[in-house]
Amino acid sequence: MAPRIYARVGPTPVANPQLVVFNRCLAEELGLDPDVIEREAAAMLSGNQLPDDSNPIAMAYAGHQFGNFVPQLGDGRAILLGELKGRDGVLRDLQLKGAGLTPFSRDGDGRAALGPMLREYLVSEAMHALGIPTTRALAVVTTGEQVFREEVLPGAVLTRVPQAMYALGHSSTLPPGRPGRRA
C-alpha cells in the first residue's frame, strides 16, 4: 500500500469499555473462537488492548465534499487494525470506528456515539441477511466516556469487518502516472 494513503496511528484508550453487542456468528465465520473473543471483546474491540500482530493505520482518501473536490480526506475516527482470513478463505479487514483521533480528524474528536454505532451494526447485519453485499459488524463497545454532539451522548466503538477497506477515493490521493493508480 502506498504510504501516501495511510498514516500509522493507534486507537486512543477509553475509560471503561463494556461490550454491548457481539456477533458470535460473524466471529465463527472469521475463524475466531466466540467464547474466547467475547471474554476479551471489551478491551480488544475498544482499542485498549491490541492483538500482538496488529499494525494499526488510518486510511487517507480524496473525493468530493459539499460539491468540491478535496484532495485529502480520510478516516477521521476509524482505525484499521489488520486483516483476518475467514474460514471461507476470504481476507477481511478489522476496523474500529470511533477509536480516537487520526491525522484525518480535522475538527472532529475521533469518537462516536452509541446510538449511531448500534444503528450501523443493525443495518449492516440486516443488509447481510438480505443478501446485499456490505461491511459486516462484529461488535459495539461502550467507552465509559461521553461524546458531545447536539447533546451529551454515551461514547461507543463499532468493530467493522469489510472484505476490503480500499475506497475509490484512495487512488485519487496518488499523483497521476504513479504505479498502482488507475486512470
N, C-alpha and C. Protein backbone atom coordinates (compact mmCIF):
# COMPACT_ATOMS: atom_id res chain seq x y z
N MET A 1 0.84 -1.17 0.00
CA MET A 1 0.00 0.00 0.00
C MET A 1 0.89 1.24 0.00
N ALA A 2 0.55 2.20 -0.82
CA ALA A 2 1.33 3.43 -0.91
C ALA A 2 1.26 4.20 0.41
N PRO A 3 2.41 4.63 0.96
CA PRO A 3 2.40 5.35 2.24
C PRO A 3 1.55 6.61 2.23
N ARG A 4 1.32 7.16 1.08
CA ARG A 4 0.53 8.38 0.99
C ARG A 4 -0.94 8.16 1.32
N ILE A 5 -1.40 6.93 1.27
CA ILE A 5 -2.83 6.69 1.51
C ILE A 5 -3.14 6.17 2.92
N TYR A 6 -2.17 6.26 3.81
CA TYR A 6 -2.45 5.88 5.19
C TYR A 6 -1.49 6.58 6.14
N ALA A 7 -1.86 6.55 7.42
CA ALA A 7 -0.98 7.06 8.47
C ALA A 7 -1.01 6.04 9.61
N ARG A 8 0.16 5.74 10.15
CA ARG A 8 0.22 4.82 11.28
C ARG A 8 -0.27 5.56 12.54
N VAL A 9 -1.30 5.02 13.14
CA VAL A 9 -1.88 5.62 14.35
C VAL A 9 -2.63 4.54 15.11
N GLY A 10 -2.46 4.54 16.42
CA GLY A 10 -3.17 3.57 17.25
C GLY A 10 -4.44 4.16 17.83
N PRO A 11 -5.34 3.29 18.28
CA PRO A 11 -6.56 3.76 18.93
C PRO A 11 -6.23 4.51 20.23
N THR A 12 -7.07 5.45 20.60
CA THR A 12 -6.94 6.16 21.87
C THR A 12 -7.65 5.34 22.94
N PRO A 13 -6.97 4.97 24.01
CA PRO A 13 -7.61 4.16 25.06
C PRO A 13 -8.86 4.86 25.62
N VAL A 14 -9.81 4.04 26.06
CA VAL A 14 -11.05 4.56 26.64
C VAL A 14 -11.11 4.21 28.12
N ALA A 15 -11.99 4.90 28.85
CA ALA A 15 -12.02 4.80 30.32
C ALA A 15 -12.55 3.46 30.84
N ASN A 16 -13.69 3.02 30.32
CA ASN A 16 -14.34 1.84 30.89
C ASN A 16 -15.12 1.09 29.81
N PRO A 17 -14.42 0.34 28.96
CA PRO A 17 -15.12 -0.35 27.87
C PRO A 17 -16.03 -1.47 28.37
N GLN A 18 -17.25 -1.51 27.80
CA GLN A 18 -18.22 -2.55 28.13
C GLN A 18 -18.84 -3.06 26.84
N LEU A 19 -18.89 -4.36 26.67
CA LEU A 19 -19.48 -4.97 25.48
C LEU A 19 -20.99 -4.80 25.51
N VAL A 20 -21.55 -4.26 24.42
CA VAL A 20 -22.99 -4.06 24.32
C VAL A 20 -23.61 -5.17 23.47
N VAL A 21 -23.00 -5.44 22.32
CA VAL A 21 -23.50 -6.47 21.42
C VAL A 21 -22.31 -7.13 20.73
N PHE A 22 -22.39 -8.44 20.54
CA PHE A 22 -21.30 -9.20 19.94
C PHE A 22 -21.89 -10.19 18.94
N ASN A 23 -21.36 -10.21 17.75
CA ASN A 23 -21.86 -11.04 16.66
C ASN A 23 -21.10 -12.38 16.65
N ARG A 24 -21.62 -13.33 17.41
CA ARG A 24 -20.97 -14.64 17.54
C ARG A 24 -20.89 -15.37 16.19
N CYS A 25 -21.93 -15.25 15.38
CA CYS A 25 -21.92 -15.93 14.07
C CYS A 25 -20.80 -15.39 13.19
N LEU A 26 -20.62 -14.08 13.16
CA LEU A 26 -19.54 -13.50 12.36
C LEU A 26 -18.18 -13.91 12.93
N ALA A 27 -18.05 -13.95 14.24
CA ALA A 27 -16.79 -14.38 14.85
C ALA A 27 -16.44 -15.79 14.36
N GLU A 28 -17.42 -16.69 14.33
CA GLU A 28 -17.19 -18.05 13.84
C GLU A 28 -16.79 -18.05 12.37
N GLU A 29 -17.47 -17.23 11.54
CA GLU A 29 -17.12 -17.13 10.12
C GLU A 29 -15.69 -16.66 9.93
N LEU A 30 -15.21 -15.83 10.85
CA LEU A 30 -13.84 -15.32 10.77
C LEU A 30 -12.81 -16.31 11.30
N GLY A 31 -13.29 -17.45 11.80
CA GLY A 31 -12.37 -18.44 12.34
C GLY A 31 -11.94 -18.14 13.76
N LEU A 32 -12.67 -17.27 14.44
CA LEU A 32 -12.36 -16.92 15.82
C LEU A 32 -13.22 -17.75 16.77
N ASP A 33 -12.73 -18.04 17.94
CA ASP A 33 -13.50 -18.74 18.95
C ASP A 33 -14.35 -17.70 19.69
N PRO A 34 -15.68 -17.70 19.46
CA PRO A 34 -16.53 -16.68 20.07
C PRO A 34 -16.44 -16.63 21.59
N ASP A 35 -16.27 -17.78 22.24
CA ASP A 35 -16.18 -17.79 23.70
C ASP A 35 -14.94 -17.05 24.19
N VAL A 36 -13.82 -17.25 23.51
CA VAL A 36 -12.57 -16.58 23.89
C VAL A 36 -12.65 -15.09 23.55
N ILE A 37 -13.08 -14.77 22.34
CA ILE A 37 -13.14 -13.37 21.89
C ILE A 37 -14.12 -12.58 22.73
N GLU A 38 -15.28 -13.15 23.03
CA GLU A 38 -16.29 -12.41 23.79
C GLU A 38 -15.78 -12.02 25.17
N ARG A 39 -14.99 -12.89 25.82
CA ARG A 39 -14.42 -12.57 27.14
C ARG A 39 -13.48 -11.37 27.07
N GLU A 40 -12.74 -11.25 25.98
CA GLU A 40 -11.75 -10.18 25.81
C GLU A 40 -12.27 -9.02 24.96
N ALA A 41 -13.51 -9.13 24.47
CA ALA A 41 -14.02 -8.19 23.47
C ALA A 41 -14.00 -6.73 23.91
N ALA A 42 -14.39 -6.45 25.14
CA ALA A 42 -14.46 -5.05 25.58
C ALA A 42 -13.10 -4.38 25.46
N ALA A 43 -12.05 -5.04 25.92
CA ALA A 43 -10.70 -4.45 25.86
C ALA A 43 -10.18 -4.42 24.43
N MET A 44 -10.34 -5.53 23.70
CA MET A 44 -9.77 -5.61 22.34
C MET A 44 -10.54 -4.74 21.35
N LEU A 45 -11.86 -4.77 21.41
CA LEU A 45 -12.66 -4.09 20.39
C LEU A 45 -12.96 -2.64 20.74
N SER A 46 -12.41 -2.16 21.83
CA SER A 46 -12.45 -0.72 22.14
C SER A 46 -11.12 -0.08 21.71
N GLY A 47 -10.12 -0.92 21.46
CA GLY A 47 -8.79 -0.42 21.13
C GLY A 47 -7.86 -0.34 22.32
N ASN A 48 -8.34 -0.68 23.51
CA ASN A 48 -7.49 -0.62 24.70
C ASN A 48 -6.40 -1.68 24.68
N GLN A 49 -6.68 -2.82 24.09
CA GLN A 49 -5.71 -3.92 24.03
C GLN A 49 -5.67 -4.39 22.57
N LEU A 50 -4.52 -4.27 21.94
CA LEU A 50 -4.40 -4.65 20.53
C LEU A 50 -3.84 -6.06 20.39
N PRO A 51 -4.26 -6.77 19.35
CA PRO A 51 -3.65 -8.07 19.07
C PRO A 51 -2.15 -7.87 18.81
N ASP A 52 -1.35 -8.88 19.18
CA ASP A 52 0.11 -8.79 19.04
C ASP A 52 0.55 -8.46 17.62
N ASP A 53 -0.15 -8.99 16.62
CA ASP A 53 0.26 -8.79 15.23
C ASP A 53 -0.42 -7.59 14.58
N SER A 54 -1.08 -6.76 15.36
CA SER A 54 -1.77 -5.59 14.83
C SER A 54 -0.78 -4.50 14.44
N ASN A 55 -1.08 -3.83 13.36
CA ASN A 55 -0.28 -2.71 12.87
C ASN A 55 -1.26 -1.61 12.45
N PRO A 56 -1.87 -0.91 13.43
CA PRO A 56 -2.99 -0.01 13.13
C PRO A 56 -2.63 1.19 12.26
N ILE A 57 -3.58 1.49 11.36
CA ILE A 57 -3.44 2.64 10.46
C ILE A 57 -4.79 3.32 10.27
N ALA A 58 -4.77 4.57 9.85
CA ALA A 58 -5.95 5.29 9.39
C ALA A 58 -5.74 5.53 7.90
N MET A 59 -6.78 5.33 7.12
CA MET A 59 -6.69 5.46 5.67
C MET A 59 -6.99 6.88 5.21
N ALA A 60 -6.25 7.32 4.21
CA ALA A 60 -6.49 8.62 3.57
C ALA A 60 -7.22 8.37 2.26
N TYR A 61 -7.97 9.33 1.83
CA TYR A 61 -8.62 9.26 0.52
C TYR A 61 -8.96 10.67 0.07
N ALA A 62 -9.34 10.78 -1.17
CA ALA A 62 -9.75 12.07 -1.74
C ALA A 62 -11.17 11.89 -2.27
N GLY A 63 -11.86 12.99 -2.47
CA GLY A 63 -13.20 12.88 -3.01
C GLY A 63 -13.91 14.22 -3.00
N HIS A 64 -15.18 14.16 -3.35
CA HIS A 64 -15.98 15.38 -3.39
C HIS A 64 -16.74 15.53 -2.07
N GLN A 65 -16.68 16.73 -1.54
CA GLN A 65 -17.39 17.05 -0.31
C GLN A 65 -18.01 18.43 -0.49
N PHE A 66 -19.29 18.51 -0.26
CA PHE A 66 -20.03 19.77 -0.42
C PHE A 66 -19.87 20.34 -1.83
N GLY A 67 -19.80 19.45 -2.82
CA GLY A 67 -19.74 19.88 -4.21
C GLY A 67 -18.36 20.22 -4.74
N ASN A 68 -17.33 20.09 -3.92
CA ASN A 68 -15.97 20.42 -4.34
C ASN A 68 -15.04 19.23 -4.13
N PHE A 69 -14.06 19.09 -5.04
CA PHE A 69 -13.06 18.04 -4.88
C PHE A 69 -12.11 18.42 -3.74
N VAL A 70 -11.89 17.48 -2.82
CA VAL A 70 -10.98 17.69 -1.71
C VAL A 70 -9.86 16.66 -1.85
N PRO A 71 -8.61 17.11 -2.05
CA PRO A 71 -7.52 16.16 -2.33
C PRO A 71 -7.09 15.32 -1.14
N GLN A 72 -7.44 15.70 0.09
CA GLN A 72 -7.11 14.85 1.22
C GLN A 72 -8.22 14.84 2.25
N LEU A 73 -8.92 13.75 2.26
CA LEU A 73 -9.87 13.44 3.31
C LEU A 73 -9.29 12.23 4.04
N GLY A 74 -10.05 11.54 4.79
CA GLY A 74 -9.54 10.32 5.41
C GLY A 74 -10.39 9.88 6.57
N ASP A 75 -10.00 8.75 7.13
CA ASP A 75 -10.72 8.18 8.27
C ASP A 75 -10.43 9.03 9.50
N GLY A 76 -11.35 9.89 9.86
CA GLY A 76 -11.16 10.79 10.98
C GLY A 76 -11.43 10.17 12.33
N ARG A 77 -12.07 8.98 12.33
CA ARG A 77 -12.35 8.31 13.61
C ARG A 77 -12.32 6.79 13.47
N ALA A 78 -11.79 6.31 12.37
CA ALA A 78 -11.73 4.87 12.15
C ALA A 78 -10.29 4.42 12.01
N ILE A 79 -9.96 3.32 12.67
CA ILE A 79 -8.59 2.81 12.66
C ILE A 79 -8.62 1.34 12.24
N LEU A 80 -7.88 1.05 11.20
CA LEU A 80 -7.78 -0.30 10.66
C LEU A 80 -6.73 -1.06 11.47
N LEU A 81 -7.14 -2.15 12.12
CA LEU A 81 -6.22 -2.92 12.96
C LEU A 81 -5.41 -3.93 12.16
N GLY A 82 -6.00 -4.48 11.11
CA GLY A 82 -5.31 -5.50 10.33
C GLY A 82 -6.30 -6.33 9.55
N GLU A 83 -5.84 -7.50 9.10
CA GLU A 83 -6.65 -8.37 8.27
C GLU A 83 -6.80 -9.74 8.92
N LEU A 84 -7.92 -10.39 8.62
CA LEU A 84 -8.19 -11.76 9.06
C LEU A 84 -8.63 -12.56 7.85
N LYS A 85 -8.19 -13.81 7.77
CA LYS A 85 -8.69 -14.70 6.73
C LYS A 85 -9.75 -15.58 7.37
N GLY A 86 -10.97 -15.50 6.85
CA GLY A 86 -12.08 -16.27 7.41
C GLY A 86 -12.00 -17.74 7.04
N ARG A 87 -12.91 -18.50 7.60
CA ARG A 87 -12.97 -19.93 7.31
C ARG A 87 -13.24 -20.19 5.84
N ASP A 88 -13.85 -19.22 5.17
CA ASP A 88 -14.14 -19.35 3.74
C ASP A 88 -12.95 -18.96 2.87
N GLY A 89 -11.83 -18.59 3.50
CA GLY A 89 -10.63 -18.20 2.75
C GLY A 89 -10.61 -16.75 2.30
N VAL A 90 -11.67 -16.00 2.59
CA VAL A 90 -11.76 -14.60 2.19
C VAL A 90 -11.02 -13.73 3.21
N LEU A 91 -10.21 -12.82 2.69
CA LEU A 91 -9.47 -11.89 3.52
C LEU A 91 -10.37 -10.70 3.86
N ARG A 92 -10.46 -10.38 5.15
CA ARG A 92 -11.29 -9.27 5.60
C ARG A 92 -10.49 -8.36 6.52
N ASP A 93 -10.87 -7.09 6.55
CA ASP A 93 -10.24 -6.12 7.42
C ASP A 93 -10.98 -6.06 8.75
N LEU A 94 -10.28 -5.61 9.77
CA LEU A 94 -10.86 -5.38 11.09
C LEU A 94 -10.63 -3.92 11.42
N GLN A 95 -11.71 -3.15 11.51
CA GLN A 95 -11.61 -1.70 11.68
C GLN A 95 -12.45 -1.25 12.87
N LEU A 96 -11.89 -0.35 13.68
CA LEU A 96 -12.60 0.23 14.81
C LEU A 96 -13.07 1.63 14.46
N LYS A 97 -14.37 1.86 14.50
CA LYS A 97 -14.94 3.18 14.21
C LYS A 97 -15.27 3.86 15.54
N GLY A 98 -14.75 5.06 15.73
CA GLY A 98 -14.93 5.79 16.98
C GLY A 98 -13.75 5.57 17.92
N ALA A 99 -12.62 5.12 17.34
CA ALA A 99 -11.46 4.71 18.14
C ALA A 99 -10.50 5.85 18.47
N GLY A 100 -10.84 7.08 18.14
CA GLY A 100 -9.98 8.20 18.52
C GLY A 100 -9.48 9.02 17.35
N LEU A 101 -8.74 10.05 17.68
CA LEU A 101 -8.22 10.97 16.68
C LEU A 101 -7.23 10.30 15.74
N THR A 102 -7.27 10.74 14.49
CA THR A 102 -6.30 10.33 13.48
C THR A 102 -5.79 11.61 12.82
N PRO A 103 -4.76 11.53 11.98
CA PRO A 103 -4.30 12.73 11.28
C PRO A 103 -5.36 13.31 10.34
N PHE A 104 -6.46 12.56 10.11
CA PHE A 104 -7.51 13.00 9.19
C PHE A 104 -8.76 13.47 9.91
N SER A 105 -8.69 13.65 11.22
CA SER A 105 -9.88 14.00 12.01
C SER A 105 -10.37 15.43 11.76
N ARG A 106 -9.51 16.28 11.23
CA ARG A 106 -9.84 17.68 11.03
C ARG A 106 -10.37 18.27 12.34
N ASP A 107 -11.61 18.76 12.38
CA ASP A 107 -12.12 19.38 13.60
C ASP A 107 -12.91 18.41 14.48
N GLY A 108 -12.92 17.13 14.13
CA GLY A 108 -13.67 16.14 14.90
C GLY A 108 -12.92 15.67 16.13
N ASP A 109 -13.60 14.90 16.96
CA ASP A 109 -12.98 14.38 18.18
C ASP A 109 -12.53 12.93 18.05
N GLY A 110 -12.80 12.30 16.92
CA GLY A 110 -12.39 10.93 16.70
C GLY A 110 -13.25 9.89 17.38
N ARG A 111 -14.30 10.33 18.02
CA ARG A 111 -15.16 9.42 18.79
C ARG A 111 -16.51 9.24 18.10
N ALA A 112 -17.30 8.32 18.61
CA ALA A 112 -18.63 8.04 18.08
C ALA A 112 -19.61 7.87 19.24
N ALA A 113 -20.87 8.11 18.94
CA ALA A 113 -21.92 7.95 19.95
C ALA A 113 -22.57 6.57 19.83
N LEU A 114 -23.10 6.08 20.93
CA LEU A 114 -23.67 4.74 20.98
C LEU A 114 -24.82 4.54 19.97
N GLY A 115 -25.75 5.48 19.92
CA GLY A 115 -26.92 5.31 19.04
C GLY A 115 -26.54 5.06 17.58
N PRO A 116 -25.74 5.92 16.97
CA PRO A 116 -25.35 5.68 15.58
C PRO A 116 -24.54 4.40 15.37
N MET A 117 -23.76 4.00 16.36
CA MET A 117 -22.99 2.75 16.21
C MET A 117 -23.90 1.53 16.27
N LEU A 118 -24.92 1.56 17.14
CA LEU A 118 -25.89 0.48 17.16
C LEU A 118 -26.69 0.44 15.87
N ARG A 119 -27.05 1.60 15.36
CA ARG A 119 -27.79 1.68 14.10
C ARG A 119 -26.98 1.09 12.96
N GLU A 120 -25.69 1.44 12.87
CA GLU A 120 -24.85 0.90 11.81
C GLU A 120 -24.71 -0.61 11.96
N TYR A 121 -24.55 -1.10 13.18
CA TYR A 121 -24.47 -2.54 13.44
C TYR A 121 -25.73 -3.23 12.90
N LEU A 122 -26.89 -2.74 13.29
CA LEU A 122 -28.16 -3.36 12.90
C LEU A 122 -28.39 -3.30 11.39
N VAL A 123 -28.14 -2.16 10.79
CA VAL A 123 -28.38 -2.01 9.36
C VAL A 123 -27.42 -2.88 8.55
N SER A 124 -26.15 -2.92 8.94
CA SER A 124 -25.20 -3.73 8.17
C SER A 124 -25.54 -5.21 8.26
N GLU A 125 -25.94 -5.67 9.43
CA GLU A 125 -26.29 -7.09 9.57
C GLU A 125 -27.62 -7.40 8.90
N ALA A 126 -28.57 -6.46 8.89
CA ALA A 126 -29.83 -6.66 8.18
C ALA A 126 -29.57 -6.75 6.68
N MET A 127 -28.72 -5.87 6.15
CA MET A 127 -28.38 -5.93 4.72
C MET A 127 -27.73 -7.26 4.37
N HIS A 128 -26.83 -7.71 5.23
CA HIS A 128 -26.18 -9.01 5.01
C HIS A 128 -27.22 -10.13 4.97
N ALA A 129 -28.16 -10.10 5.92
CA ALA A 129 -29.20 -11.13 5.97
C ALA A 129 -30.09 -11.11 4.73
N LEU A 130 -30.22 -9.96 4.10
CA LEU A 130 -31.00 -9.83 2.86
C LEU A 130 -30.19 -10.21 1.62
N GLY A 131 -28.92 -10.55 1.81
CA GLY A 131 -28.07 -10.95 0.69
C GLY A 131 -27.44 -9.78 -0.05
N ILE A 132 -27.44 -8.61 0.57
CA ILE A 132 -26.85 -7.42 -0.05
C ILE A 132 -25.41 -7.30 0.45
N PRO A 133 -24.41 -7.33 -0.45
CA PRO A 133 -23.01 -7.22 -0.01
C PRO A 133 -22.79 -5.92 0.76
N THR A 134 -22.16 -6.02 1.91
CA THR A 134 -21.96 -4.86 2.77
C THR A 134 -20.85 -5.13 3.77
N THR A 135 -20.39 -4.10 4.41
CA THR A 135 -19.49 -4.24 5.55
C THR A 135 -20.27 -4.88 6.68
N ARG A 136 -19.67 -5.85 7.34
CA ARG A 136 -20.31 -6.53 8.47
C ARG A 136 -19.92 -5.83 9.77
N ALA A 137 -20.62 -6.18 10.84
CA ALA A 137 -20.34 -5.60 12.15
C ALA A 137 -20.11 -6.71 13.17
N LEU A 138 -18.98 -6.66 13.85
CA LEU A 138 -18.63 -7.69 14.82
C LEU A 138 -19.10 -7.34 16.23
N ALA A 139 -19.03 -6.06 16.60
CA ALA A 139 -19.38 -5.71 17.98
C ALA A 139 -19.57 -4.21 18.13
N VAL A 140 -20.26 -3.85 19.21
CA VAL A 140 -20.33 -2.47 19.68
C VAL A 140 -19.93 -2.50 21.15
N VAL A 141 -19.01 -1.61 21.50
CA VAL A 141 -18.50 -1.49 22.87
C VAL A 141 -18.72 -0.05 23.33
N THR A 142 -19.30 0.14 24.52
CA THR A 142 -19.36 1.49 25.06
C THR A 142 -18.00 1.83 25.66
N THR A 143 -17.71 3.13 25.76
CA THR A 143 -16.39 3.58 26.18
C THR A 143 -16.31 4.02 27.64
N GLY A 144 -17.47 4.26 28.26
CA GLY A 144 -17.46 4.82 29.61
C GLY A 144 -17.17 6.31 29.58
N GLU A 145 -17.19 6.89 28.40
CA GLU A 145 -16.94 8.32 28.22
C GLU A 145 -18.12 8.95 27.50
N GLN A 146 -18.20 10.26 27.54
CA GLN A 146 -19.26 10.98 26.85
C GLN A 146 -18.70 11.62 25.60
N VAL A 147 -19.57 11.74 24.59
CA VAL A 147 -19.23 12.50 23.39
C VAL A 147 -20.20 13.67 23.31
N PHE A 148 -19.72 14.76 22.79
CA PHE A 148 -20.51 15.98 22.74
C PHE A 148 -20.90 16.26 21.30
N ARG A 149 -22.20 16.12 21.03
CA ARG A 149 -22.75 16.43 19.72
C ARG A 149 -23.78 17.54 19.95
N GLU A 150 -24.99 17.41 19.44
CA GLU A 150 -26.02 18.40 19.77
C GLU A 150 -26.36 18.32 21.26
N GLU A 151 -26.11 17.14 21.81
CA GLU A 151 -26.30 16.90 23.24
C GLU A 151 -25.19 15.95 23.71
N VAL A 152 -25.12 15.72 25.00
CA VAL A 152 -24.12 14.80 25.54
C VAL A 152 -24.66 13.37 25.37
N LEU A 153 -23.82 12.50 24.78
CA LEU A 153 -24.23 11.13 24.49
C LEU A 153 -23.18 10.14 24.98
N PRO A 154 -23.59 8.89 25.25
CA PRO A 154 -22.59 7.89 25.63
C PRO A 154 -21.72 7.53 24.42
N GLY A 155 -20.42 7.39 24.65
CA GLY A 155 -19.49 7.05 23.59
C GLY A 155 -19.47 5.56 23.31
N ALA A 156 -19.08 5.20 22.08
CA ALA A 156 -19.03 3.79 21.70
C ALA A 156 -18.03 3.60 20.57
N VAL A 157 -17.62 2.34 20.38
CA VAL A 157 -16.76 1.94 19.28
C VAL A 157 -17.44 0.78 18.57
N LEU A 158 -17.52 0.88 17.24
CA LEU A 158 -18.08 -0.18 16.41
C LEU A 158 -16.94 -0.92 15.74
N THR A 159 -16.97 -2.25 15.74
CA THR A 159 -15.98 -3.03 15.00
C THR A 159 -16.59 -3.43 13.67
N ARG A 160 -16.00 -2.89 12.59
CA ARG A 160 -16.44 -3.18 11.22
C ARG A 160 -15.57 -4.29 10.64
N VAL A 161 -16.19 -5.10 9.77
CA VAL A 161 -15.46 -6.17 9.12
C VAL A 161 -15.82 -6.18 7.63
N PRO A 162 -15.15 -5.34 6.84
CA PRO A 162 -15.39 -5.34 5.39
C PRO A 162 -14.44 -6.31 4.68
N GLN A 163 -14.80 -6.68 3.45
CA GLN A 163 -13.88 -7.51 2.67
C GLN A 163 -12.65 -6.71 2.30
N ALA A 164 -12.77 -5.41 2.11
CA ALA A 164 -11.61 -4.56 1.82
C ALA A 164 -11.97 -3.13 2.16
N MET A 165 -11.06 -2.42 2.83
CA MET A 165 -11.32 -1.02 3.17
C MET A 165 -10.81 -0.07 2.09
N TYR A 166 -10.36 -0.60 0.95
CA TYR A 166 -9.89 0.26 -0.13
C TYR A 166 -11.10 0.93 -0.75
N ALA A 167 -11.09 2.24 -0.79
CA ALA A 167 -12.19 3.00 -1.38
C ALA A 167 -11.71 3.64 -2.68
N LEU A 168 -12.65 3.98 -3.53
CA LEU A 168 -12.29 4.62 -4.80
C LEU A 168 -11.47 5.87 -4.59
N GLY A 169 -11.74 6.61 -3.53
CA GLY A 169 -11.01 7.84 -3.26
C GLY A 169 -9.56 7.64 -2.88
N HIS A 170 -9.18 6.40 -2.49
CA HIS A 170 -7.78 6.15 -2.15
C HIS A 170 -6.88 6.38 -3.35
N SER A 171 -7.31 5.95 -4.54
CA SER A 171 -6.45 6.12 -5.72
C SER A 171 -6.36 7.57 -6.13
N SER A 172 -7.33 8.39 -5.75
CA SER A 172 -7.29 9.81 -6.09
C SER A 172 -6.24 10.57 -5.31
N THR A 173 -5.70 9.97 -4.25
CA THR A 173 -4.67 10.64 -3.46
C THR A 173 -3.28 10.48 -4.07
N LEU A 174 -3.16 9.58 -5.05
CA LEU A 174 -1.86 9.34 -5.69
C LEU A 174 -1.69 10.26 -6.89
N PRO A 175 -0.49 10.75 -7.14
CA PRO A 175 -0.27 11.60 -8.31
C PRO A 175 -0.50 10.81 -9.60
N PRO A 176 -0.96 11.45 -10.67
CA PRO A 176 -1.17 10.76 -11.95
C PRO A 176 0.12 10.09 -12.43
N GLY A 177 -0.05 8.91 -13.04
CA GLY A 177 1.11 8.23 -13.62
C GLY A 177 1.87 7.36 -12.65
N ARG A 178 1.53 7.36 -11.37
CA ARG A 178 2.22 6.52 -10.39
C ARG A 178 1.73 5.09 -10.50
N PRO A 179 2.62 4.11 -10.27
CA PRO A 179 2.18 2.72 -10.26
C PRO A 179 1.09 2.52 -9.23
N GLY A 180 0.12 1.71 -9.58
CA GLY A 180 -0.98 1.44 -8.67
C GLY A 180 -2.16 2.38 -8.85
N ARG A 181 -1.99 3.42 -9.64
CA ARG A 181 -3.10 4.35 -9.88
C ARG A 181 -3.80 3.96 -11.16
N ARG A 182 -5.11 3.87 -11.09
CA ARG A 182 -5.91 3.58 -12.28
C ARG A 182 -6.37 4.88 -12.91
N ALA A 183 -6.35 4.89 -14.20
CA ALA A 183 -6.79 6.10 -14.92
C ALA A 183 -8.28 6.15 -15.01
